Protein backbone atom coordinates (compact mmCIF):
# COMPACT_ATOMS: atom_id res chain seq x y z
CA MET A 1 -7.09 -6.35 -19.32
CA ILE A 2 -5.55 -4.85 -22.40
CA GLY A 3 -5.70 -1.09 -22.69
CA PRO A 4 -6.85 1.01 -25.63
CA ASN A 5 -3.50 0.59 -27.41
CA ASN A 6 -3.90 -3.22 -27.59
CA GLY A 7 -1.28 -3.90 -24.92
CA CYS A 8 1.54 -2.02 -26.67
CA LEU A 9 3.09 0.57 -24.41
CA LYS A 10 4.34 3.86 -25.79
CA GLY A 11 7.96 4.79 -25.04
CA SER A 12 7.17 7.12 -22.13
CA GLU A 13 4.66 4.66 -20.63
CA LEU A 14 7.17 1.81 -20.85
CA LEU A 15 9.80 3.99 -19.19
CA SER A 16 7.33 4.94 -16.44
CA ARG A 17 6.43 1.30 -15.82
CA LYS A 18 10.12 0.33 -15.70
CA ARG A 19 10.75 3.09 -13.16
CA ALA A 20 7.79 1.96 -11.08
CA ILE A 21 9.08 -1.62 -11.08
CA ALA A 22 12.59 -0.37 -10.22
CA LEU A 23 11.08 1.40 -7.19
CA PHE A 24 8.60 -1.34 -6.30
CA VAL A 25 11.05 -4.27 -6.12
CA PRO A 26 13.30 -2.78 -3.39
CA TYR A 27 10.20 -1.45 -1.58
CA LEU A 28 8.67 -4.94 -1.56
CA ALA A 29 11.96 -6.51 -0.45
CA PHE A 30 12.21 -4.00 2.43
CA LEU A 31 8.57 -4.56 3.39
CA LEU A 32 8.91 -8.35 3.43
CA TYR A 33 12.18 -8.15 5.38
CA MET A 34 10.68 -5.86 8.03
CA THR A 35 7.50 -7.91 8.40
CA LEU A 36 8.75 -11.48 8.00
CA VAL A 37 12.48 -11.62 8.75
CA TYR A 38 13.41 -8.85 11.19
CA HIS A 39 12.30 -9.64 14.74
CA THR A 40 13.12 -8.94 18.36
CA GLY A 41 14.14 -12.53 19.07
CA HIS A 42 11.41 -13.48 21.53
CA ARG A 43 8.97 -16.31 20.85
CA VAL A 44 5.24 -15.67 20.96
CA PRO A 45 3.04 -18.46 22.36
CA GLU A 46 0.74 -19.94 19.70
CA GLU A 47 -2.42 -18.82 21.50
CA ALA A 48 -1.20 -15.19 21.40
CA ARG A 49 -0.12 -15.15 17.72
CA LEU A 50 -3.54 -14.43 16.24
CA ARG A 51 -5.61 -11.30 16.94
CA LEU A 52 -8.93 -11.25 15.10
CA ILE A 53 -10.93 -8.62 17.01
CA PRO A 54 -10.95 -5.46 14.89
CA PHE A 55 -9.76 -2.18 16.44
CA ARG A 56 -8.59 -3.79 19.71
CA THR A 57 -4.88 -3.28 18.99
CA ILE A 58 -5.46 0.12 17.39
CA ARG A 59 -7.32 1.25 20.52
CA TYR A 60 -4.64 -0.19 22.82
CA PHE A 61 -1.83 1.69 21.08
CA TRP A 62 -3.97 4.84 20.84
CA ILE A 63 -4.36 4.79 24.63
CA GLN A 64 -0.63 4.09 25.09
CA GLY A 65 0.28 7.05 22.90
CA GLY A 66 3.83 8.16 22.28
CA PHE A 67 6.29 5.96 20.41
CA THR A 68 4.11 2.83 20.50
CA LEU A 69 1.27 4.71 18.79
CA ILE A 70 3.59 6.07 16.11
CA PHE A 71 5.45 2.79 15.58
CA ASN A 72 2.37 0.58 15.30
CA ASN A 73 -0.61 2.61 14.11
CA VAL A 74 1.07 5.35 12.09
CA GLY A 75 3.86 3.02 10.94
CA ASN A 76 1.41 0.46 9.53
CA VAL A 77 -0.29 3.20 7.50
CA VAL A 78 2.92 4.83 6.26
CA VAL A 79 4.66 1.59 5.25
CA PHE A 80 1.88 0.73 2.76
CA ALA A 81 1.48 4.22 1.25
CA PRO A 82 4.19 3.59 -1.39
CA LEU A 83 2.14 0.65 -2.70
CA GLY A 84 -0.85 2.91 -3.37
CA PHE A 85 1.40 5.60 -4.84
CA LEU A 86 3.11 3.19 -7.28
CA LEU A 87 -0.02 1.24 -8.19
CA PRO A 88 -1.14 3.43 -11.14
CA TRP A 89 2.27 2.96 -12.79
CA LEU A 90 2.37 -0.75 -12.03
CA ARG A 91 -1.10 -1.25 -13.55
CA GLY A 92 -0.27 0.90 -16.54
CA LEU A 93 -0.99 4.57 -16.95
CA ASP A 94 -3.55 3.84 -19.66
CA ARG A 95 -5.72 2.05 -17.10
CA ARG A 96 -7.74 3.81 -14.43
CA THR A 97 -6.70 2.91 -10.87
CA THR A 98 -9.44 3.32 -8.27
CA VAL A 99 -9.62 3.30 -4.49
CA VAL A 100 -10.98 -0.25 -4.79
CA HIS A 101 -7.82 -1.33 -6.64
CA ALA A 102 -5.63 0.26 -3.94
CA ALA A 103 -7.69 -1.31 -1.14
CA LEU A 104 -7.52 -4.76 -2.75
CA ALA A 105 -3.78 -4.49 -3.38
CA GLY A 106 -2.99 -3.22 0.12
CA GLY A 107 -5.40 -5.54 1.89
CA GLY A 108 -4.32 -8.55 -0.19
CA LEU A 109 -0.60 -8.00 0.36
CA SER A 110 -1.17 -7.34 4.04
CA LEU A 111 -3.27 -10.49 4.42
CA PHE A 112 -0.49 -12.46 2.72
CA ILE A 113 2.07 -11.05 5.17
CA GLU A 114 -0.15 -11.59 8.22
CA THR A 115 -0.78 -15.21 7.20
CA PHE A 116 2.96 -15.86 7.12
CA GLN A 117 3.46 -13.99 10.38
CA TYR A 118 0.99 -16.31 12.06
CA ARG A 119 3.11 -19.29 11.00
CA LEU A 120 6.27 -17.73 12.48
CA GLU A 121 6.89 -18.22 16.18
CA THR A 122 8.22 -14.69 16.63
CA ARG A 123 5.34 -12.73 15.07
CA VAL A 124 1.72 -11.86 15.75
CA ALA A 125 -0.93 -11.79 13.01
CA ASP A 126 -3.35 -8.95 13.68
CA ILE A 127 -6.48 -7.92 11.77
CA ASP A 128 -5.76 -4.32 12.76
CA ASP A 129 -2.51 -4.44 10.79
CA VAL A 130 -4.51 -5.43 7.69
CA LEU A 131 -6.92 -2.52 8.25
CA LEU A 132 -4.14 0.01 8.81
CA ASN A 133 -2.15 -1.27 5.79
CA LEU A 134 -5.27 -1.03 3.63
CA VAL A 135 -5.77 2.59 4.73
CA GLY A 136 -2.11 3.29 3.92
CA SER A 137 -2.39 1.99 0.37
CA VAL A 138 -5.54 4.04 -0.24
CA LEU A 139 -3.88 7.18 1.16
CA GLY A 140 -0.90 6.51 -1.12
CA LEU A 141 -3.23 6.47 -4.12
CA ILE A 142 -4.83 9.73 -2.96
CA VAL A 143 -1.38 11.33 -2.65
CA TYR A 144 -0.54 10.06 -6.15
CA GLY A 145 -3.74 11.63 -7.50
CA ALA A 146 -2.92 15.00 -5.93
CA TRP A 147 0.69 14.79 -7.10
CA SER A 148 -0.27 13.92 -10.68
CA ARG A 149 -2.71 16.86 -10.83
CA LEU A 150 -0.02 19.23 -9.57
CA ARG A 151 2.45 17.94 -12.19
CA ARG A 152 0.17 18.81 -15.10
CA ALA A 153 0.95 21.96 -16.99
CA PRO A 154 -1.38 24.81 -15.98
CA ASN A 155 -2.57 25.25 -19.56
CA GLU A 156 -3.16 21.53 -20.14
CA GLU A 157 -6.81 20.90 -20.84
CA ARG A 158 -8.42 18.41 -18.49
CA PRO A 159 -11.33 16.20 -19.64
CA ALA A 160 -13.69 17.84 -17.13
CA ASP A 161 -12.72 21.31 -18.40
CA LYS A 162 -13.77 20.63 -21.99
CA ALA A 163 -16.85 22.55 -23.03
CA THR A 164 -19.56 20.44 -24.60
CA PRO A 165 -21.50 21.99 -27.49
């Protein structure tokens, strides 16, 4: 979709998009390395490589608590938060980015990763990872929204603040 300026980015918007891409590329490389390349070295039997029952793994790690809870449940949320935070810049600041956009981006990327993990003999594809990653990308967008509101000058007029005659 072309924005209101017919696809031509202003200088500051172009710079912002370039910065977002400069941050996104190493983030994506790290994410793909951690989820597809890095592994513990053990093989997972094919019948154990696919977990499709929602909330089973989340509940298991919740009960376990401690490091396993933080590493799996919290880690899956935190690792996708940068995606939601960078999404408004990646889409273009002249376009509105919604929770639906963040959920689709996070869920889609996570589903892509989980599909490849299923094909690997050293990984497990888990629907709970997709759910947690989706939540992480949405939380990242929420943090971006709060951050962008705090960055505005106090005297800057917001659209909702304008008085209508």
